[in-house]
Amino acid sequence: MIVYKSPEEIGKMRRAGRIVAGTIERVLAAVQPNITTAELDSVAEEYIREQGATPSFKGYG
């Protein structure tokens, strides 16, 4: 069964996709020799929070 998305749901998905794309760009720009994954995690989290979103990868592990 296919569940159709409402225009509001599609808008939320579009916004999330843009935030993910921006996060990837920001992290890629921060990559350099000797940077730790923890530092890259911080770059990602900061950008996501700047966008008014909550990172889903926090609190795992």
PDB file of N, CA and C in Angstrom:
ATOM      1  N   MET A   1       0.835  -1.176   0.000  1.00  0.00           N
ATOM      2  CA  MET A   1       0.000   0.000   0.000  1.00  0.00           C
ATOM      3  C   MET A   1       0.885   1.245   0.000  1.00  0.00           C
ATOM      4  N   ILE A   2       0.592   2.159  -0.864  1.00  0.00           N
ATOM      5  CA  ILE A   2       1.333   3.414  -0.939  1.00  0.00           C
ATOM      6  C   ILE A   2       0.609   4.461  -0.103  1.00  0.00           C
ATOM      7  N   VAL A   3       1.354   5.086   0.794  1.00  0.00           N
ATOM      8  CA  VAL A   3       0.802   6.157   1.610  1.00  0.00           C
ATOM      9  C   VAL A   3       1.297   7.475   1.021  1.00  0.00           C
ATOM     10  N   TYR A   4       0.374   8.292   0.576  1.00  0.00           N
ATOM     11  CA  TYR A   4       0.725   9.574  -0.023  1.00  0.00           C
ATOM     12  C   TYR A   4       1.063  10.588   1.058  1.00  0.00           C
ATOM     13  N   LYS A   5       2.040  11.407   0.772  1.00  0.00           N
ATOM     14  CA  LYS A   5       2.457  12.450   1.707  1.00  0.00           C
ATOM     15  C   LYS A   5       1.675  13.729   1.428  1.00  0.00           C
ATOM     16  N   SER A   6       1.364  14.426   2.497  1.00  0.00           N
ATOM     17  CA  SER A   6       0.688  15.717   2.358  1.00  0.00           C
ATOM     18  C   SER A   6       1.724  16.767   1.939  1.00  0.00           C
ATOM     19  N   PRO A   7       1.268  17.889   1.420  1.00  0.00           N
ATOM     20  CA  PRO A   7       2.213  18.964   1.084  1.00  0.00           C
ATOM     21  C   PRO A   7       3.060  19.385   2.293  1.00  0.00           C
ATOM     22  N   GLU A   8       2.470  19.369   3.472  1.00  0.00           N
ATOM     23  CA  GLU A   8       3.218  19.724   4.685  1.00  0.00           C
ATOM     24  C   GLU A   8       4.323  18.702   4.959  1.00  0.00           C
ATOM     25  N   GLU A   9       4.005  17.425   4.838  1.00  0.00           N
ATOM     26  CA  GLU A   9       5.008  16.379   5.054  1.00  0.00           C
ATOM     27  C   GLU A   9       6.135  16.471   4.024  1.00  0.00           C
ATOM     28  N   ILE A  10       5.780  16.737   2.791  1.00  0.00           N
ATOM     29  CA  ILE A  10       6.790  16.882   1.738  1.00  0.00           C
ATOM     30  C   ILE A  10       7.687  18.080   2.034  1.00  0.00           C
ATOM     31  N   GLY A  11       7.107  19.154   2.517  1.00  0.00           N
ATOM     32  CA  GLY A  11       7.894  20.332   2.889  1.00  0.00           C
ATOM     33  C   GLY A  11       8.879  20.027   4.000  1.00  0.00           C
ATOM     34  N   LYS A  12       8.445  19.262   4.991  1.00  0.00           N
ATOM     35  CA  LYS A  12       9.337  18.876   6.091  1.00  0.00           C
ATOM     36  C   LYS A  12      10.468  17.991   5.582  1.00  0.00           C
ATOM     37  N   MET A  13      10.138  17.079   4.678  1.00  0.00           N
ATOM     38  CA  MET A  13      11.162  16.203   4.097  1.00  0.00           C
ATOM     39  C   MET A  13      12.161  17.017   3.278  1.00  0.00           C
ATOM     40  N   ARG A  14      11.673  17.999   2.545  1.00  0.00           N
ATOM     41  CA  ARG A  14      12.547  18.865   1.740  1.00  0.00           C
ATOM     42  C   ARG A  14      13.498  19.641   2.652  1.00  0.00           C
ATOM     43  N   ARG A  15      12.957  20.193   3.732  1.00  0.00           N
ATOM     44  CA  ARG A  15      13.791  20.956   4.674  1.00  0.00           C
ATOM     45  C   ARG A  15      14.853  20.057   5.297  1.00  0.00           C
ATOM     46  N   ALA A  16      14.461  18.863   5.703  1.00  0.00           N
ATOM     47  CA  ALA A  16      15.419  17.923   6.291  1.00  0.00           C
ATOM     48  C   ALA A  16      16.519  17.574   5.296  1.00  0.00           C
ATOM     49  N   GLY A  17      16.147  17.349   4.052  1.00  0.00           N
ATOM     50  CA  GLY A  17      17.133  17.032   3.025  1.00  0.00           C
ATOM     51  C   GLY A  17      18.123  18.162   2.812  1.00  0.00           C
ATOM     52  N   ARG A  18      17.629  19.380   2.857  1.00  0.00           N
ATOM     53  CA  ARG A  18      18.516  20.540   2.692  1.00  0.00           C
ATOM     54  C   ARG A  18      19.470  20.672   3.874  1.00  0.00           C
ATOM     55  N   ILE A  19      18.971  20.384   5.063  1.00  0.00           N
ATOM     56  CA  ILE A  19      19.836  20.433   6.246  1.00  0.00           C
ATOM     57  C   ILE A  19      20.916  19.358   6.147  1.00  0.00           C
ATOM     58  N   VAL A  20      20.543  18.164   5.731  1.00  0.00           N
ATOM     59  CA  VAL A  20      21.528  17.083   5.567  1.00  0.00           C
ATOM     60  C   VAL A  20      22.580  17.479   4.535  1.00  0.00           C
ATOM     61  N   ALA A  21      22.141  18.025   3.404  1.00  0.00           N
ATOM     62  CA  ALA A  21      23.086  18.438   2.361  1.00  0.00           C
ATOM     63  C   ALA A  21      24.044  19.509   2.885  1.00  0.00           C
ATOM     64  N   GLY A  22      23.516  20.470   3.608  1.00  0.00           N
ATOM     65  CA  GLY A  22      24.359  21.520   4.181  1.00  0.00           C
ATOM     66  C   GLY A  22      25.336  20.973   5.207  1.00  0.00           C
ATOM     67  N   THR A  23      24.881  20.006   5.986  1.00  0.00           N
ATOM     68  CA  THR A  23      25.744  19.380   6.984  1.00  0.00           C
ATOM     69  C   THR A  23      26.907  18.674   6.307  1.00  0.00           C
ATOM     70  N   ILE A  24      26.619  17.935   5.262  1.00  0.00           N
ATOM     71  CA  ILE A  24      27.675  17.225   4.536  1.00  0.00           C
ATOM     72  C   ILE A  24      28.683  18.222   3.969  1.00  0.00           C
ATOM     73  N   GLU A  25      28.200  19.297   3.378  1.00  0.00           N
ATOM     74  CA  GLU A  25      29.102  20.317   2.831  1.00  0.00           C
ATOM     75  C   GLU A  25      29.989  20.912   3.921  1.00  0.00           C
ATOM     76  N   ARG A  26      29.393  21.219   5.066  1.00  0.00           N
ATOM     77  CA  ARG A  26      30.149  21.825   6.168  1.00  0.00           C
ATOM     78  C   ARG A  26      31.204  20.856   6.703  1.00  0.00           C
ATOM     79  N   VAL A  27      30.835  19.588   6.863  1.00  0.00           N
ATOM     80  CA  VAL A  27      31.789  18.596   7.375  1.00  0.00           C
ATOM     81  C   VAL A  27      32.915  18.374   6.365  1.00  0.00           C
ATOM     82  N   LEU A  28      32.574  18.246   5.090  1.00  0.00           N
ATOM     83  CA  LEU A  28      33.613  18.057   4.068  1.00  0.00           C
ATOM     84  C   LEU A  28      34.593  19.223   4.053  1.00  0.00           C
ATOM     85  N   ALA A  29      34.096  20.427   4.243  1.00  0.00           N
ATOM     86  CA  ALA A  29      34.966  21.604   4.262  1.00  0.00           C
ATOM     87  C   ALA A  29      35.890  21.603   5.481  1.00  0.00           C
ATOM     88  N   ALA A  30      35.479  20.934   6.555  1.00  0.00           N
ATOM     89  CA  ALA A  30      36.271  20.903   7.785  1.00  0.00           C
ATOM     90  C   ALA A  30      37.312  19.790   7.797  1.00  0.00           C
ATOM     91  N   VAL A  31      37.187  18.840   6.891  1.00  0.00           N
ATOM     92  CA  VAL A  31      38.114  17.707   6.873  1.00  0.00           C
ATOM     93  C   VAL A  31      39.515  18.191   6.513  1.00  0.00           C
ATOM     94  N   GLN A  32      40.460  17.790   7.344  1.00  0.00           N
ATOM     95  CA  GLN A  32      41.864  18.112   7.119  1.00  0.00           C
ATOM     96  C   GLN A  32      42.713  17.104   7.887  1.00  0.00           C
ATOM     97  N   PRO A  33      43.998  17.037   7.598  1.00  0.00           N
ATOM     98  CA  PRO A  33      44.844  16.098   8.332  1.00  0.00           C
ATOM     99  C   PRO A  33      44.778  16.361   9.836  1.00  0.00           C
ATOM    100  N   ASN A  34      44.742  15.305  10.588  1.00  0.00           N
ATOM    101  CA  ASN A  34      44.771  15.318  12.058  1.00  0.00           C
ATOM    102  C   ASN A  34      43.491  15.790  12.727  1.00  0.00           C
ATOM    103  N   ILE A  35      42.417  16.035  11.990  1.00  0.00           N
ATOM    104  CA  ILE A  35      41.149  16.374  12.646  1.00  0.00           C
ATOM    105  C   ILE A  35      40.506  15.068  13.107  1.00  0.00           C
ATOM    106  N   THR A  36      39.926  15.089  14.271  1.00  0.00           N
ATOM    107  CA  THR A  36      39.324  13.867  14.807  1.00  0.00           C
ATOM    108  C   THR A  36      37.864  13.752  14.378  1.00  0.00           C
ATOM    109  N   THR A  37      37.361  12.534  14.467  1.00  0.00           N
ATOM    110  CA  THR A  37      35.949  12.345  14.151  1.00  0.00           C
ATOM    111  C   THR A  37      35.074  13.060  15.176  1.00  0.00           C
ATOM    112  N   ALA A  38      35.555  13.194  16.398  1.00  0.00           N
ATOM    113  CA  ALA A  38      34.797  13.939  17.410  1.00  0.00           C
ATOM    114  C   ALA A  38      34.672  15.406  17.007  1.00  0.00           C
ATOM    115  N   GLU A  39      35.734  15.964  16.443  1.00  0.00           N
ATOM    116  CA  GLU A  39      35.677  17.353  15.989  1.00  0.00           C
ATOM    117  C   GLU A  39      34.718  17.497  14.809  1.00  0.00           C
ATOM    118  N   LEU A  40      34.735  16.527  13.902  1.00  0.00           N
ATOM    119  CA  LEU A  40      33.804  16.563  12.773  1.00  0.00           C
ATOM    120  C   LEU A  40      32.365  16.412  13.259  1.00  0.00           C
ATOM    121  N   ASP A  41      32.175  15.587  14.278  1.00  0.00           N
ATOM    122  CA  ASP A  41      30.853  15.430  14.879  1.00  0.00           C
ATOM    123  C   ASP A  41      30.368  16.771  15.432  1.00  0.00           C
ATOM    124  N   SER A  42      31.262  17.505  16.057  1.00  0.00           N
ATOM    125  CA  SER A  42      30.903  18.816  16.605  1.00  0.00           C
ATOM    126  C   SER A  42      30.537  19.800  15.501  1.00  0.00           C
ATOM    127  N   VAL A  43      31.270  19.754  14.389  1.00  0.00           N
ATOM    128  CA  VAL A  43      30.965  20.617  13.243  1.00  0.00           C
ATOM    129  C   VAL A  43      29.554  20.319  12.748  1.00  0.00           C
ATOM    130  N   ALA A  44      29.254  19.028  12.607  1.00  0.00           N
ATOM    131  CA  ALA A  44      27.933  18.621  12.127  1.00  0.00           C
ATOM    132  C   ALA A  44      26.839  19.056  13.092  1.00  0.00           C
ATOM    133  N   GLU A  45      27.049  18.790  14.369  1.00  0.00           N
ATOM    134  CA  GLU A  45      26.026  19.146  15.356  1.00  0.00           C
ATOM    135  C   GLU A  45      25.782  20.654  15.390  1.00  0.00           C
ATOM    136  N   GLU A  46      26.846  21.420  15.349  1.00  0.00           N
ATOM    137  CA  GLU A  46      26.698  22.881  15.384  1.00  0.00           C
ATOM    138  C   GLU A  46      25.866  23.372  14.196  1.00  0.00           C
ATOM    139  N   TYR A  47      26.174  22.872  13.006  1.00  0.00           N
ATOM    140  CA  TYR A  47      25.434  23.305  11.819  1.00  0.00           C
ATOM    141  C   TYR A  47      23.957  22.914  11.925  1.00  0.00           C
ATOM    142  N   ILE A  48      23.697  21.688  12.338  1.00  0.00           N
ATOM    143  CA  ILE A  48      22.315  21.213  12.441  1.00  0.00           C
ATOM    144  C   ILE A  48      21.531  22.073  13.428  1.00  0.00           C
ATOM    145  N   ARG A  49      22.131  22.369  14.563  1.00  0.00           N
ATOM    146  CA  ARG A  49      21.448  23.191  15.570  1.00  0.00           C
ATOM    147  C   ARG A  49      21.261  24.630  15.080  1.00  0.00           C
ATOM    148  N   GLU A  50      22.222  25.141  14.306  1.00  0.00           N
ATOM    149  CA  GLU A  50      22.065  26.478  13.714  1.00  0.00           C
ATOM    150  C   GLU A  50      20.833  26.540  12.810  1.00  0.00           C
ATOM    151  N   GLN A  51      20.479  25.422  12.231  1.00  0.00           N
ATOM    152  CA  GLN A  51      19.324  25.350  11.340  1.00  0.00           C
ATOM    153  C   GLN A  51      18.017  25.163  12.113  1.00  0.00           C
ATOM    154  N   GLY A  52      18.106  25.088  13.442  1.00  0.00           N
ATOM    155  CA  GLY A  52      16.918  24.914  14.269  1.00  0.00           C
ATOM    156  C   GLY A  52      16.445  23.478  14.338  1.00  0.00           C
ATOM    157  N   ALA A  53      17.350  22.552  14.043  1.00  0.00           N
ATOM    158  CA  ALA A  53      16.998  21.129  14.047  1.00  0.00           C
ATOM    159  C   ALA A  53      17.747  20.412  15.169  1.00  0.00           C
ATOM    160  N   THR A  54      17.361  19.173  15.418  1.00  0.00           N
ATOM    161  CA  THR A  54      18.006  18.336  16.417  1.00  0.00           C
ATOM    162  C   THR A  54      18.699  17.179  15.719  1.00  0.00           C
ATOM    163  N   PRO A  55      20.000  16.994  15.962  1.00  0.00           N
ATOM    164  CA  PRO A  55      20.700  15.898  15.308  1.00  0.00           C
ATOM    165  C   PRO A  55      20.209  14.544  15.817  1.00  0.00           C
ATOM    166  N   SER A  56      19.843  13.679  14.904  1.00  0.00           N
ATOM    167  CA  SER A  56      19.308  12.371  15.304  1.00  0.00           C
ATOM    168  C   SER A  56      20.405  11.415  15.734  1.00  0.00           C
ATOM    169  N   PHE A  57      21.670  11.727  15.432  1.00  0.00           N
ATOM    170  CA  PHE A  57      22.764  10.824  15.768  1.00  0.00           C
ATOM    171  C   PHE A  57      23.275  11.012  17.188  1.00  0.00           C
ATOM    172  N   LYS A  58      22.751  11.946  17.924  1.00  0.00           N
ATOM    173  CA  LYS A  58      23.219  12.182  19.286  1.00  0.00           C
ATOM    174  C   LYS A  58      22.572  11.202  20.260  1.00  0.00           C
ATOM    175  N   GLY A  59      23.360  10.757  21.224  1.00  0.00           N
ATOM    176  CA  GLY A  59      22.844   9.891  22.271  1.00  0.00           C
ATOM    177  C   GLY A  59      22.895   8.410  21.957  1.00  0.00           C
ATOM    178  N   TYR A  60      23.566   8.057  20.865  1.00  0.00           N
ATOM    179  CA  TYR A  60      23.709   6.640  20.526  1.00  0.00           C
ATOM    180  C   TYR A  60      25.129   6.206  20.814  1.00  0.00           C
ATOM    181  N   GLY A  61      25.269   4.907  21.148  1.00  0.00           N
ATOM    182  CA  GLY A  61      26.623   4.360  21.282  1.00  0.00           C
ATOM    183  C   GLY A  61      27.123   4.241  22.655  1.00  0.00           C
TER     184      GLY A  61
END
